[in-house]
């Protein structure tokens, strides 16, 4: 799948840029971008409000609403709006969306959407989503239409297969932006990850040390030491059990080996030791996670006896996707398909390992 855009870092957040060329003039495209009756054909039902606008992007009974204000407007050239999405009981942070129009040839224009301050991990969903929305815009401008387009935008993908393919590509693109370093020594592998999180150190520390928070990004809490109510923080020397007690081998024992409040946490994890350090950052908190190298292991799944080697890319993808889940937790959002986050990260790390390295 060829992406129409890219994701870039914006401190702890992301910038999503997507482009598409249309066989139209500036005035025609501007009309489609700004007139309520035309917006409804490709993106949603627009209504003006005293403090801005409201855009209902979902179909009947769907909770998918954007609120915002027009921040800048240059007719037939540029419009900048604030953008805040809410849906299914969750509300994202304030972002900014800019649309610019440039002529590329007679009768053709290039539309560039730049979505700034997008929360990490959700950026890949926006990349694929904007590609799909711009496909609907093409149909609204006269391209081939589907039966679903007759009654206007209903919150469904214009091309579900293309959306899914683009989402996978954007996930890999975003994972590569914040990929860590593999530590390979013979048949032993470890990883070092650095991530800027959009939250203060105190909030990150809560997520690392309080049982109700740990269970929402790391693994579910099966047993918490000396505290049946599971209310107190972890302490130095604590031994706890995380995972799924209903799955054979699905529970991991963890011992706290070092602890410095809001600065450092080190714990055992199977045959490895993992350190997490926190530092103040102008954009929030810099988290550095280091898993010490451990020996690669072969696991067997199902009844066929087919083996799967668990090695450094596997370990790295695991911690990478867990930090993705921590990132979403700190943003007040739920985790969209955590297995897909792991798959995207695994491809990034396995490809990194396959590339030749300079001496």
Protein backbone atom coordinates (compact mmCIF):
# COMPACT_ATOMS: atom_id res chain seq x y z
CA UNK A 1 0.00 0.00 0.00
CA UNK A 2 1.45 3.37 -1.03
CA UNK A 3 0.92 5.94 1.70
CA UNK A 4 -0.21 9.41 0.74
CA UNK A 5 1.36 10.98 3.77
CA UNK A 6 3.67 10.65 6.74
CA UNK A 7 3.87 10.87 10.50
CA UNK A 8 6.51 13.04 12.20
CA UNK A 9 7.44 13.68 15.83
CA UNK A 10 5.99 16.72 17.57
CA UNK A 11 7.53 16.49 21.02
CA UNK A 12 5.51 13.86 22.88
CA UNK A 13 2.84 14.06 20.17
CA UNK A 14 2.78 13.65 16.37
CA UNK A 15 2.17 15.56 13.13
CA UNK A 16 0.18 13.71 10.47
CA UNK A 17 0.41 15.01 6.89
CA UNK A 18 -1.67 13.56 4.04
CA UNK A 19 -1.89 14.79 0.43
CA UNK A 20 -4.12 14.08 -2.56
CA UNK A 21 -4.45 15.67 -5.98
CA UNK A 22 -7.89 16.35 -7.46
CA UNK A 23 -9.14 17.21 -10.96
CA UNK A 24 -10.73 20.46 -9.80
CA UNK A 25 -10.08 24.17 -9.52
CA UNK A 26 -9.37 26.10 -6.34
CA UNK A 27 -12.94 27.41 -6.08
CA UNK A 28 -14.50 23.97 -6.49
CA UNK A 29 -12.32 22.35 -3.85
CA UNK A 30 -12.71 25.29 -1.48
CA UNK A 31 -16.48 24.98 -1.78
CA UNK A 32 -16.29 21.27 -0.89
CA UNK A 33 -14.11 22.08 2.14
CA UNK A 34 -16.20 24.91 3.57
CA UNK A 35 -19.88 24.65 2.60
CA UNK A 36 -21.96 22.67 5.13
CA UNK A 37 -24.17 20.97 2.54
CA UNK A 38 -21.08 19.72 0.71
CA UNK A 39 -19.15 18.75 3.85
CA UNK A 40 -21.96 16.35 4.69
CA UNK A 41 -21.28 14.38 1.50
CA UNK A 42 -17.75 13.37 2.48
CA UNK A 43 -16.88 14.03 6.12
CA UNK A 44 -19.87 14.79 8.35
CA UNK A 45 -22.79 16.98 9.36
CA UNK A 46 -21.57 20.50 10.12
CA UNK A 47 -23.39 22.93 12.41
CA UNK A 48 -22.24 26.34 13.57
CA UNK A 49 -22.06 27.07 17.29
CA UNK A 50 -21.55 30.24 19.31
CA UNK A 51 -17.99 29.27 20.12
CA UNK A 52 -17.11 27.50 16.87
CA UNK A 53 -18.49 24.46 15.07
CA UNK A 54 -19.66 20.91 15.60
CA UNK A 55 -19.00 18.11 13.11
CA UNK A 56 -20.90 14.83 13.51
CA UNK A 57 -18.81 12.20 11.72
CA UNK A 58 -20.69 9.05 12.63
CA UNK A 59 -23.85 7.51 11.28
CA UNK A 60 -27.14 7.29 13.20
CA UNK A 61 -26.54 6.14 16.75
CA UNK A 62 -22.77 6.58 16.44
CA UNK A 63 -20.88 8.73 18.93
CA UNK A 64 -18.18 10.45 16.84
CA UNK A 65 -18.12 14.23 17.17
CA UNK A 66 -15.53 16.93 16.50
CA UNK A 67 -15.74 20.40 18.03
CA UNK A 68 -13.51 23.29 17.05
CA UNK A 69 -13.03 26.88 15.89
CA UNK A 70 -11.71 28.50 12.72
CA UNK A 71 -8.30 29.96 13.62
CA UNK A 72 -7.22 31.29 10.21
CA UNK A 73 -8.79 31.50 6.77
CA UNK A 74 -7.41 32.51 3.35
CA UNK A 75 -10.19 31.78 0.84
CA UNK A 76 -9.28 29.19 -1.80
CA UNK A 77 -5.81 28.78 -0.29
CA UNK A 78 -5.74 27.83 3.41
CA UNK A 79 -7.92 27.16 6.42
CA UNK A 80 -6.75 26.32 9.95
CA UNK A 81 -9.11 24.98 12.64
CA UNK A 82 -8.84 23.66 16.16
CA UNK A 83 -9.96 20.03 16.34
CA UNK A 84 -11.10 17.96 19.30
CA UNK A 85 -12.57 14.51 18.73
CA UNK A 86 -14.77 12.66 21.18
CA UNK A 87 -16.46 9.30 20.84
CA UNK A 88 -17.48 6.20 22.77
CA UNK A 89 -17.04 8.00 26.08
CA UNK A 90 -13.48 9.16 25.36
CA UNK A 91 -12.21 12.61 24.48
CA UNK A 92 -8.91 13.37 22.81
CA UNK A 93 -6.70 16.36 23.49
CA UNK A 94 -6.97 19.58 21.47
CA UNK A 95 -5.21 19.45 18.10
CA UNK A 96 -4.98 21.67 15.01
CA UNK A 97 -5.93 20.76 11.43
CA UNK A 98 -4.72 22.81 8.47
CA UNK A 99 -5.84 22.38 4.87
CA UNK A 100 -3.94 24.08 2.03
CA UNK A 101 -4.73 24.17 -1.69
CA UNK A 102 -2.06 24.52 -4.39
CA UNK A 103 -2.44 24.37 -8.17
CA UNK A 104 -0.41 21.60 -9.81
CA UNK A 105 -1.58 21.95 -13.43
CA UNK A 106 -4.45 23.47 -15.32
CA UNK A 107 -7.64 22.11 -13.82
CA UNK A 108 -5.87 20.21 -11.03
CA UNK A 109 -5.12 21.09 -7.41
CA UNK A 110 -3.21 19.47 -4.54
CA UNK A 111 -4.88 19.32 -1.13
CA UNK A 112 -2.53 18.97 1.85
CA UNK A 113 -3.94 18.17 5.28
CA UNK A 114 -1.59 18.75 8.21
CA UNK A 115 -2.87 17.53 11.57
CA UNK A 116 -0.67 18.81 14.42
CA UNK A 117 -0.39 17.89 18.12
CA UNK A 118 -2.02 14.50 17.55
CA UNK A 119 -1.64 12.17 20.52
CA UNK A 120 0.92 9.40 20.10
CA UNK A 121 -0.29 5.98 18.90
CA UNK A 122 -3.57 7.47 17.63
CA UNK A 123 -1.57 9.18 14.85
CA UNK A 124 -1.55 6.02 12.73
CA UNK A 125 -5.35 5.84 12.95
CA UNK A 126 -5.56 9.45 11.79
CA UNK A 127 -3.19 8.79 8.88
CA UNK A 128 -5.32 5.93 7.56
CA UNK A 129 -8.51 7.79 8.44
CA UNK A 130 -7.56 10.92 6.51
CA UNK A 131 -6.62 8.84 3.48
CA UNK A 132 -10.05 7.25 3.58
CA UNK A 133 -11.82 10.59 4.09
CA UNK A 134 -9.97 12.09 1.11
CA UNK A 135 -11.18 9.15 -0.98
CA UNK A 136 -14.72 10.16 -0.06
CA UNK A 137 -13.88 13.74 -1.01
CA UNK A 138 -12.74 12.52 -4.43
CA UNK A 139 -16.11 10.83 -4.91
CA UNK A 140 -17.90 13.98 -3.78
CA UNK A 141 -15.98 15.87 -6.48
CA UNK A 142 -17.18 13.48 -9.16
CA UNK A 143 -15.04 10.36 -8.91
CA UNK A 144 -16.65 6.91 -8.90
CA UNK A 145 -19.15 6.58 -6.06
CA UNK A 146 -20.23 3.59 -4.01
CA UNK A 147 -23.81 2.81 -2.86
CA UNK A 148 -22.84 3.85 0.68
CA UNK A 149 -22.14 7.40 -0.54
CA UNK A 150 -25.73 8.13 -1.58
CA UNK A 151 -26.92 9.26 1.85
CA UNK A 152 -23.76 11.11 2.78
CA UNK A 153 -20.91 10.17 5.08
CA UNK A 154 -21.98 7.52 7.59
CA UNK A 155 -18.75 6.99 9.50
CA UNK A 156 -17.80 3.88 7.56
CA UNK A 157 -14.64 3.39 5.51
CA UNK A 158 -14.96 4.28 1.85
CA UNK A 159 -12.62 1.39 1.06
CA UNK A 160 -12.25 -0.93 4.10
CA UNK A 161 -9.43 -3.00 2.59
CA UNK A 162 -7.43 0.09 1.68
CA UNK A 163 -8.06 1.56 5.15
CA UNK A 164 -6.78 -1.59 6.90
CA UNK A 165 -3.69 -1.75 4.69
CA UNK A 166 -2.91 1.93 5.26
CA UNK A 167 -3.44 1.56 9.00
CA UNK A 168 -0.85 -1.21 9.15
CA UNK A 169 1.62 0.89 7.16
CA UNK A 170 1.10 3.97 9.31
CA UNK A 171 1.49 1.89 12.47
CA UNK A 172 4.86 0.65 11.24
CA UNK A 173 5.81 4.19 10.26
CA UNK A 174 4.97 5.53 13.72
CA UNK A 175 6.71 2.62 15.45
CA UNK A 176 9.88 3.31 13.45
CA UNK A 177 9.87 6.95 14.64
CA UNK A 178 10.31 5.88 18.27
CA UNK A 179 12.05 2.53 17.81
CA UNK A 180 14.63 1.58 20.42
CA UNK A 181 18.06 -0.03 20.06
CA UNK A 182 18.61 -3.77 20.09
CA UNK A 183 21.47 -5.10 22.22
CA UNK A 184 22.71 -8.31 20.58
CA UNK A 185 25.52 -10.45 21.96
CA UNK A 186 25.68 -13.96 20.50
CA UNK A 187 22.39 -15.67 21.20
CA UNK A 188 21.47 -13.12 23.85
CA UNK A 189 19.37 -10.06 23.17
CA UNK A 190 18.14 -7.01 25.04
CA UNK A 191 16.64 -3.64 24.19
CA UNK A 192 16.88 0.02 25.13
CA UNK A 193 13.82 2.21 24.51
CA UNK A 194 13.44 5.97 24.93
CA UNK A 195 10.04 7.63 24.72
CA UNK A 196 8.78 11.13 25.52
CA UNK A 197 5.42 10.81 27.24
CA UNK A 198 2.75 13.50 27.27
CA UNK A 199 2.40 13.56 31.07
CA UNK A 200 4.37 14.78 34.13
CA UNK A 201 6.68 12.35 35.99
CA UNK A 202 4.23 12.01 38.89
CA UNK A 203 1.49 10.74 36.59
CA UNK A 204 3.88 8.32 34.89
CA UNK A 205 5.09 7.07 38.28
CA UNK A 206 1.50 6.38 39.32
CA UNK A 207 1.06 4.23 36.21
CA UNK A 208 4.25 2.32 37.04
CA UNK A 209 3.56 1.68 40.72
CA UNK A 210 -0.18 1.62 41.52
CA UNK A 211 -1.90 -1.75 40.99
CA UNK A 212 -5.03 -0.40 39.29
CA UNK A 213 -2.84 1.50 36.80
CA UNK A 214 -0.29 -1.27 36.22
CA UNK A 215 -3.05 -3.69 35.27
CA UNK A 216 -4.26 -1.38 32.52
CA UNK A 217 -1.04 -1.16 30.50
CA UNK A 218 1.39 -3.88 31.63
CA UNK A 219 -0.41 -7.08 32.63
CA UNK A 220 -3.47 -7.69 34.81
CA UNK A 221 -2.64 -8.05 38.51
CA UNK A 222 -3.12 -11.63 39.77
CA UNK A 223 -1.54 -11.25 43.20
CA UNK A 224 -0.41 -8.11 45.04
CA UNK A 225 1.89 -8.45 48.08
CA UNK A 226 0.49 -7.87 51.59
CA UNK A 227 -2.48 -5.94 50.25
CA UNK A 228 -5.62 -7.91 49.32
CA UNK A 229 -7.38 -4.62 48.48
CA UNK A 230 -4.61 -3.83 45.97
CA UNK A 231 -4.42 -0.16 46.86
CA UNK A 232 -0.84 0.58 47.91
CA UNK A 233 2.14 1.28 45.66
CA UNK A 234 4.89 -1.19 44.97
CA UNK A 235 7.74 -1.20 47.47
CA UNK A 236 11.35 -2.28 47.30
CA UNK A 237 11.51 -6.07 47.63
CA UNK A 238 7.87 -6.64 46.67
CA UNK A 239 7.10 -9.82 44.73
CA UNK A 240 3.89 -9.78 42.72
CA UNK A 241 2.26 -11.88 40.03
CA UNK A 242 0.85 -10.45 36.81
CA UNK A 243 -0.86 -12.01 33.80
CA UNK A 244 -3.74 -14.40 33.18
CA UNK A 245 -4.16 -17.14 35.77
CA UNK A 246 -6.51 -19.03 33.41
CA UNK A 247 -3.77 -19.59 30.83
CA UNK A 248 -1.00 -22.14 31.37
CA UNK A 249 2.28 -20.25 31.70
CA UNK A 250 0.38 -16.97 31.48
CA UNK A 251 1.48 -15.58 34.85
CA UNK A 252 4.74 -13.69 35.33
CA UNK A 253 6.38 -13.18 38.74
CA UNK A 254 7.96 -9.77 39.23
CA UNK A 255 10.29 -8.67 42.05
CA UNK A 256 11.10 -5.01 42.69
CA UNK A 257 14.92 -4.79 42.75
CA UNK A 258 15.40 -1.00 42.97
CA UNK A 259 13.10 1.95 43.52
CA UNK A 260 13.59 5.72 43.60
CA UNK A 261 10.25 7.55 43.63
CA UNK A 262 9.41 9.29 40.33
CA UNK A 263 12.91 8.47 39.04
CA UNK A 264 13.81 4.78 38.82
CA UNK A 265 12.15 1.37 38.99
CA UNK A 266 14.00 -1.89 38.39
CA UNK A 267 12.33 -5.30 38.50
CA UNK A 268 12.86 -8.88 37.49
CA UNK A 269 10.93 -10.18 34.49
CA UNK A 270 11.45 -13.88 33.89
CA UNK A 271 15.16 -14.40 33.26
CA UNK A 272 15.66 -10.68 32.62
CA UNK A 273 15.88 -7.53 34.66
CA UNK A 274 14.16 -4.39 33.43
CA UNK A 275 14.99 -0.82 34.44
CA UNK A 276 12.72 2.17 33.85
CA UNK A 277 14.09 5.67 34.45
CA UNK A 278 12.12 8.93 34.30
CA UNK A 279 13.42 12.43 33.59
CA UNK A 280 11.68 15.78 33.30
CA UNK A 281 11.30 16.89 29.70
CA UNK A 282 9.95 20.13 28.24
CA UNK A 283 7.20 18.10 26.56
CA UNK A 284 6.41 15.90 29.57
CA UNK A 285 8.50 12.95 30.76
CA UNK A 286 11.39 11.14 29.10
CA UNK A 287 11.08 7.42 29.86
CA UNK A 288 14.06 5.14 29.27
CA UNK A 289 13.47 1.39 29.50
CA UNK A 290 16.34 -1.11 29.40
CA UNK A 291 15.83 -4.86 29.33
CA UNK A 292 19.10 -6.65 30.06
CA UNK A 293 20.13 -9.20 27.40
CA UNK A 294 18.73 -12.68 27.86
CA UNK A 295 19.09 -15.89 25.89
CA UNK A 296 16.77 -16.41 22.93
CA UNK A 297 14.25 -19.18 23.59
CA UNK A 298 12.15 -21.48 21.43
CA UNK A 299 8.46 -21.74 22.24
CA UNK A 300 5.95 -24.24 20.89
CA UNK A 301 2.37 -23.38 20.12
CA UNK A 302 -0.66 -25.50 19.29
CA UNK A 303 -0.49 -29.21 18.55
CA UNK A 304 1.66 -29.11 15.44
CA UNK A 305 4.90 -28.69 17.33
CA UNK A 306 5.89 -25.75 15.12
CA UNK A 307 8.51 -23.74 16.96
CA UNK A 308 8.83 -19.97 17.26
CA UNK A 309 12.10 -18.33 18.24
CA UNK A 310 11.66 -15.58 20.82
CA UNK A 311 14.59 -13.26 20.37
CA UNK A 312 15.58 -9.60 20.66
CA UNK A 313 13.06 -8.25 18.08
CA UNK A 314 10.30 -10.16 19.87
CA UNK A 315 11.31 -8.82 23.30
CA UNK A 316 11.72 -5.29 21.90
CA UNK A 317 8.32 -5.35 20.20
CA UNK A 318 6.74 -6.50 23.44
CA UNK A 319 8.10 -3.62 25.50
CA UNK A 320 7.54 -1.17 22.64
CA UNK A 321 3.84 -2.04 22.41
CA UNK A 322 3.47 -1.99 26.20
CA UNK A 323 4.82 1.57 26.26
CA UNK A 324 2.30 2.34 23.51
CA UNK A 325 -0.40 1.12 25.87
CA UNK A 326 1.08 3.19 28.72
CA UNK A 327 1.03 6.22 26.41
CA UNK A 328 -2.67 5.76 25.70
CA UNK A 329 -3.48 5.19 29.37
CA UNK A 330 -1.79 8.50 30.26
CA UNK A 331 -3.89 10.20 27.56
CA UNK A 332 -7.10 8.76 28.98
CA UNK A 333 -7.67 6.57 25.92
CA UNK A 334 -8.16 2.84 25.52
CA UNK A 335 -5.85 0.53 23.59
CA UNK A 336 -6.88 -0.12 19.96
CA UNK A 337 -6.02 -3.72 19.03
CA UNK A 338 -2.85 -4.20 21.16
CA UNK A 339 -1.81 -7.22 19.09
CA UNK A 340 -1.65 -5.00 16.00
CA UNK A 341 0.63 -2.59 17.88
CA UNK A 342 2.99 -5.50 18.64
CA UNK A 343 2.92 -6.70 15.03
CA UNK A 344 3.86 -3.27 13.70
CA UNK A 345 6.74 -2.91 16.17
CA UNK A 346 7.98 -6.46 15.52
CA UNK A 347 8.31 -5.76 11.78
CA UNK A 348 10.34 -2.64 12.54
CA UNK A 349 12.75 -4.46 14.88
CA UNK A 350 13.12 -7.58 12.76
CA UNK A 351 13.87 -5.46 9.68
CA UNK A 352 16.41 -3.48 11.71
CA UNK A 353 18.15 -6.70 12.72
CA UNK A 354 18.23 -7.90 9.10
CA UNK A 355 19.93 -4.74 7.82
CA UNK A 356 23.75 -4.83 7.61
CA UNK A 357 25.45 -2.72 10.24
CA UNK A 358 28.67 -0.78 9.87
CA UNK A 359 31.59 -1.87 12.01
